[in-house]
Amino acid sequence: MSVKEKLQELISEAKEKISLVQSVHELNDVKAKYLGKKGSFQEIMKLMKDLPNEERPMFGKLTNEAKQVITNYLIDQKQLIEDAKVNEQLRSETIDVTLPGRSFEVGKKHLLTQIKEELEDLFIGMGYSVMEGPEIEIDEYNFEKLNLPKNHPARDMQDTFYITEETLLRTHTSPVQVRTMLDNKEKGPIKIVCPGKVFRRDDDDATHSHQFMQFEGLVVDETTSMADLKGTLLVAARKLFGDKREIRLRPSYFPFTEPSVEVDVSCHNCNGKGCNICKGTGWIEVLGAGVVNNNVLEASGYDSTKYQAFAFGMGVERIAMLKYGINDIRSFYTNDIRFNKQFK
């Protein structure tokens, strides 16, 4: 029997088998029988090795055409099976279109997620990349490479959850900045923001929580300056609190920046006239920032004589509380749907 005759016989056999199939599962079994790795066509393809070179192109053409014919049979039968299933459903299921419809409540993103994503969109538009890191950190990245050696008094500013002597729950997202600088083998410019949860041993009350969210940023470049930092923070303040907001920088202290500043934004409630939200001052403290300490750059492999950097960090809960007049930080974590519904 010639190859062509074998293929015609196989096509006829497959067509008959396929026409009797009543389910997609059975159809897959038939497909495997003829077109699978151990199927009938594979057996026929083994004949190619015994053919002269000049006959192989025709052999390949015939087998491919036959496979396509069977494939089309399979497609047609699958469509028939699916159509039959739909028709059966239509026959067996009746719908009273006069019944009133059911209203399904659509969920909403949590307010903290909304603010985090709003900030991410802003900084991505300014050329920043969003970086994340582990919540369980090592002391070296959380403290030492941030100019906080062991027994440094500034460690008392951040009461820490220690797991072992060297591992802990991160107290800020600054370790992500350290990891990014260390991973940058070429030691070139960096422009990142680092959102995430942080943990500190604190008594929970209306304004404190043992767990909260931070949003930090870092820019490392040869020409960046405090002026760039102020311009960046002004854009962020106006995005969060309105286009007419102004900011002011007050001297402060952080071990990882020098100089360090506290950043205030003009009160969005009274426009700087003084109210209960700004405690009559016209200004609201929103975040800390500064020029990255040379020790931090050097600890991550950067040449502080060539590069300089600025960093900033804000609490997402604090931003939300100030922006929406929320007076209890615990409201974010009680999962009260009535609270969550207020913020669209």
Foldseek 3Di string as FASTA:
>chain_A
DDPLVVLVVVLVVLLVCLVPDQDPVVLVVSCCQDPNPPHPLVVSVVCLVVDDPVCNVVSVVSSVVSNVSSVVSSVVSNVVNVVVVVVVCVVVDDDDPVDDDDDDDDDDDFPLVVLVVLVVVVQVVVVAAEWEDDQKAFCCLQAVLLQHDPPRVCCVVFAWAAPDPTIGGRAARSSRVLVVLLPPVVNAWHWYKYKDKGAGPDDFWQPDDRIFMKIKIKTKHQDDDVVNVLVVVLVVCCSLQHVPKHKDWAFDDDSFAPRKTFIKIFQSVPRQCADVLCNGGRIDTFWMKHKTDPSSCVSSPHDSVRMTMMMIMGTSLVSVCRRPVRRGSCVSPPPDVVVRVVPD
